[in-house]
Amino acid sequence: MYNMDKEKLNNLPKQPGCYLMKNKEGEIIYVGKAKNLFNR
């Protein structure tokens, strides 16, 4: 479903932060925030 680099995912901080989801054209389709980015 999603094309994500597993090495990058494993290195995400276990801290609060914001994240973006983009479509195939690179347009931002979602902005989120999390208390723990690693778990998100």
PDB file of N, CA and C in Angstrom:
ATOM      1  N   MET A   1       0.820  -1.186   0.000  1.00  0.00           N
ATOM      2  CA  MET A   1       0.000   0.000   0.000  1.00  0.00           C
ATOM      3  C   MET A   1       0.868   1.255   0.000  1.00  0.00           C
ATOM      4  N   TYR A   2       1.826   1.341   0.946  1.00  0.00           N
ATOM      5  CA  TYR A   2       2.717   2.491   1.026  1.00  0.00           C
ATOM      6  C   TYR A   2       4.142   2.045   0.732  1.00  0.00           C
ATOM      7  N   ASN A   3       4.899   2.918   0.094  1.00  0.00           N
ATOM      8  CA  ASN A   3       6.294   2.631  -0.217  1.00  0.00           C
ATOM      9  C   ASN A   3       7.162   3.392   0.780  1.00  0.00           C
ATOM     10  N   MET A   4       7.577   2.718   1.854  1.00  0.00           N
ATOM     11  CA  MET A   4       8.366   3.367   2.899  1.00  0.00           C
ATOM     12  C   MET A   4       9.669   2.613   3.121  1.00  0.00           C
ATOM     13  N   ASP A   5      10.722   3.345   3.385  1.00  0.00           N
ATOM     14  CA  ASP A   5      12.038   2.787   3.660  1.00  0.00           C
ATOM     15  C   ASP A   5      12.053   2.255   5.095  1.00  0.00           C
ATOM     16  N   LYS A   6      12.194   0.936   5.265  1.00  0.00           N
ATOM     17  CA  LYS A   6      12.137   0.326   6.599  1.00  0.00           C
ATOM     18  C   LYS A   6      13.256   0.813   7.510  1.00  0.00           C
ATOM     19  N   GLU A   7      14.432   1.096   6.946  1.00  0.00           N
ATOM     20  CA  GLU A   7      15.540   1.597   7.763  1.00  0.00           C
ATOM     21  C   GLU A   7      15.197   2.974   8.335  1.00  0.00           C
ATOM     22  N   LYS A   8      14.609   3.836   7.518  1.00  0.00           N
ATOM     23  CA  LYS A   8      14.200   5.165   7.998  1.00  0.00           C
ATOM     24  C   LYS A   8      13.117   5.038   9.063  1.00  0.00           C
ATOM     25  N   LEU A   9      12.175   4.117   8.855  1.00  0.00           N
ATOM     26  CA  LEU A   9      11.101   3.929   9.834  1.00  0.00           C
ATOM     27  C   LEU A   9      11.661   3.484  11.182  1.00  0.00           C
ATOM     28  N   ASN A  10      12.653   2.609  11.169  1.00  0.00           N
ATOM     29  CA  ASN A  10      13.245   2.117  12.414  1.00  0.00           C
ATOM     30  C   ASN A  10      14.046   3.184  13.145  1.00  0.00           C
ATOM     31  N   ASN A  11      14.428   4.257  12.443  1.00  0.00           N
ATOM     32  CA  ASN A  11      15.213   5.324  13.055  1.00  0.00           C
ATOM     33  C   ASN A  11      14.378   6.528  13.474  1.00  0.00           C
ATOM     34  N   LEU A  12      13.062   6.423  13.387  1.00  0.00           N
ATOM     35  CA  LEU A  12      12.218   7.537  13.815  1.00  0.00           C
ATOM     36  C   LEU A  12      12.371   7.754  15.316  1.00  0.00           C
ATOM     37  N   PRO A  13      12.335   9.011  15.749  1.00  0.00           N
ATOM     38  CA  PRO A  13      12.474   9.290  17.181  1.00  0.00           C
ATOM     39  C   PRO A  13      11.238   8.854  17.960  1.00  0.00           C
ATOM     40  N   LYS A  14      11.436   8.512  19.205  1.00  0.00           N
ATOM     41  CA  LYS A  14      10.324   8.142  20.088  1.00  0.00           C
ATOM     42  C   LYS A  14       9.911   9.373  20.884  1.00  0.00           C
ATOM     43  N   GLN A  15       9.721  10.461  20.153  1.00  0.00           N
ATOM     44  CA  GLN A  15       9.385  11.755  20.733  1.00  0.00           C
ATOM     45  C   GLN A  15       8.211  12.349  19.970  1.00  0.00           C
ATOM     46  N   PRO A  16       7.595  13.403  20.515  1.00  0.00           N
ATOM     47  CA  PRO A  16       6.498  14.066  19.813  1.00  0.00           C
ATOM     48  C   PRO A  16       6.980  14.729  18.530  1.00  0.00           C
ATOM     49  N   GLY A  17       6.064  14.871  17.588  1.00  0.00           N
ATOM     50  CA  GLY A  17       6.408  15.557  16.351  1.00  0.00           C
ATOM     51  C   GLY A  17       5.246  15.599  15.381  1.00  0.00           C
ATOM     52  N   CYS A  18       5.465  16.241  14.256  1.00  0.00           N
ATOM     53  CA  CYS A  18       4.478  16.355  13.182  1.00  0.00           C
ATOM     54  C   CYS A  18       4.945  15.527  11.993  1.00  0.00           C
ATOM     55  N   TYR A  19       3.995  15.096  11.185  1.00  0.00           N
ATOM     56  CA  TYR A  19       4.331  14.328   9.993  1.00  0.00           C
ATOM     57  C   TYR A  19       3.385  14.696   8.860  1.00  0.00           C
ATOM     58  N   LEU A  20       3.828  14.448   7.633  1.00  0.00           N
ATOM     59  CA  LEU A  20       3.045  14.741   6.435  1.00  0.00           C
ATOM     60  C   LEU A  20       2.827  13.462   5.653  1.00  0.00           C
ATOM     61  N   MET A  21       1.678  13.353   5.020  1.00  0.00           N
ATOM     62  CA  MET A  21       1.432  12.276   4.060  1.00  0.00           C
ATOM     63  C   MET A  21       1.229  12.946   2.712  1.00  0.00           C
ATOM     64  N   LYS A  22       1.887  12.408   1.684  1.00  0.00           N
ATOM     65  CA  LYS A  22       1.811  12.984   0.346  1.00  0.00           C
ATOM     66  C   LYS A  22       1.267  11.957  -0.638  1.00  0.00           C
ATOM     67  N   ASN A  23       0.613  12.447  -1.689  1.00  0.00           N
ATOM     68  CA  ASN A  23       0.141  11.549  -2.736  1.00  0.00           C
ATOM     69  C   ASN A  23       1.260  11.315  -3.752  1.00  0.00           C
ATOM     70  N   LYS A  24       0.971  10.578  -4.796  1.00  0.00           N
ATOM     71  CA  LYS A  24       1.996  10.242  -5.795  1.00  0.00           C
ATOM     72  C   LYS A  24       2.578  11.468  -6.480  1.00  0.00           C
ATOM     73  N   GLU A  25       1.793  12.539  -6.550  1.00  0.00           N
ATOM     74  CA  GLU A  25       2.259  13.776  -7.187  1.00  0.00           C
ATOM     75  C   GLU A  25       3.088  14.635  -6.241  1.00  0.00           C
ATOM     76  N   GLY A  26       3.212  14.211  -4.992  1.00  0.00           N
ATOM     77  CA  GLY A  26       3.991  14.958  -4.013  1.00  0.00           C
ATOM     78  C   GLY A  26       3.201  16.028  -3.285  1.00  0.00           C
ATOM     79  N   GLU A  27       1.893  16.070  -3.516  1.00  0.00           N
ATOM     80  CA  GLU A  27       1.044  17.047  -2.842  1.00  0.00           C
ATOM     81  C   GLU A  27       0.719  16.556  -1.435  1.00  0.00           C
ATOM     82  N   ILE A  28       0.758  17.457  -0.473  1.00  0.00           N
ATOM     83  CA  ILE A  28       0.442  17.100   0.908  1.00  0.00           C
ATOM     84  C   ILE A  28      -1.058  16.854   1.015  1.00  0.00           C
ATOM     85  N   ILE A  29      -1.422  15.663   1.493  1.00  0.00           N
ATOM     86  CA  ILE A  29      -2.835  15.325   1.632  1.00  0.00           C
ATOM     87  C   ILE A  29      -3.254  15.173   3.093  1.00  0.00           C
ATOM     88  N   TYR A  30      -2.272  15.126   4.005  1.00  0.00           N
ATOM     89  CA  TYR A  30      -2.596  14.986   5.424  1.00  0.00           C
ATOM     90  C   TYR A  30      -1.439  15.502   6.259  1.00  0.00           C
ATOM     91  N   VAL A  31      -1.768  16.237   7.313  1.00  0.00           N
ATOM     92  CA  VAL A  31      -0.777  16.687   8.290  1.00  0.00           C
ATOM     93  C   VAL A  31      -1.233  16.154   9.631  1.00  0.00           C
ATOM     94  N   GLY A  32      -0.340  15.477  10.332  1.00  0.00           N
ATOM     95  CA  GLY A  32      -0.693  14.904  11.622  1.00  0.00           C
ATOM     96  C   GLY A  32       0.344  15.226  12.671  1.00  0.00           C
ATOM     97  N   LYS A  33      -0.023  14.941  13.899  1.00  0.00           N
ATOM     98  CA  LYS A  33       0.931  15.080  14.994  1.00  0.00           C
ATOM     99  C   LYS A  33       0.791  13.858  15.884  1.00  0.00           C
ATOM    100  N   ALA A  34       1.881  13.530  16.559  1.00  0.00           N
ATOM    101  CA  ALA A  34       1.898  12.332  17.383  1.00  0.00           C
ATOM    102  C   ALA A  34       2.705  12.585  18.646  1.00  0.00           C
ATOM    103  N   LYS A  35       2.304  11.936  19.715  1.00  0.00           N
ATOM    104  CA  LYS A  35       3.072  12.008  20.960  1.00  0.00           C
ATOM    105  C   LYS A  35       4.350  11.190  20.844  1.00  0.00           C
ATOM    106  N   ASN A  36       4.323  10.172  19.986  1.00  0.00           N
ATOM    107  CA  ASN A  36       5.477   9.301  19.763  1.00  0.00           C
ATOM    108  C   ASN A  36       5.513   8.966  18.269  1.00  0.00           C
ATOM    109  N   LEU A  37       6.414   9.588  17.520  1.00  0.00           N
ATOM    110  CA  LEU A  37       6.472   9.377  16.071  1.00  0.00           C
ATOM    111  C   LEU A  37       6.776   7.929  15.703  1.00  0.00           C
ATOM    112  N   PHE A  38       7.586   7.257  16.492  1.00  0.00           N
ATOM    113  CA  PHE A  38       7.946   5.867  16.201  1.00  0.00           C
ATOM    114  C   PHE A  38       6.704   4.971  16.186  1.00  0.00           C
ATOM    115  N   ASN A  39       5.799   5.178  17.128  1.00  0.00           N
ATOM    116  CA  ASN A  39       4.584   4.365  17.212  1.00  0.00           C
ATOM    117  C   ASN A  39       3.554   4.734  16.159  1.00  0.00           C
ATOM    118  N   ARG A  40       3.619   5.922  15.633  1.00  0.00           N
ATOM    119  CA  ARG A  40       2.636   6.385  14.654  1.00  0.00           C
ATOM    120  C   ARG A  40       2.892   5.685  13.334  1.00  0.00           C
TER     121      ARG A  40
END
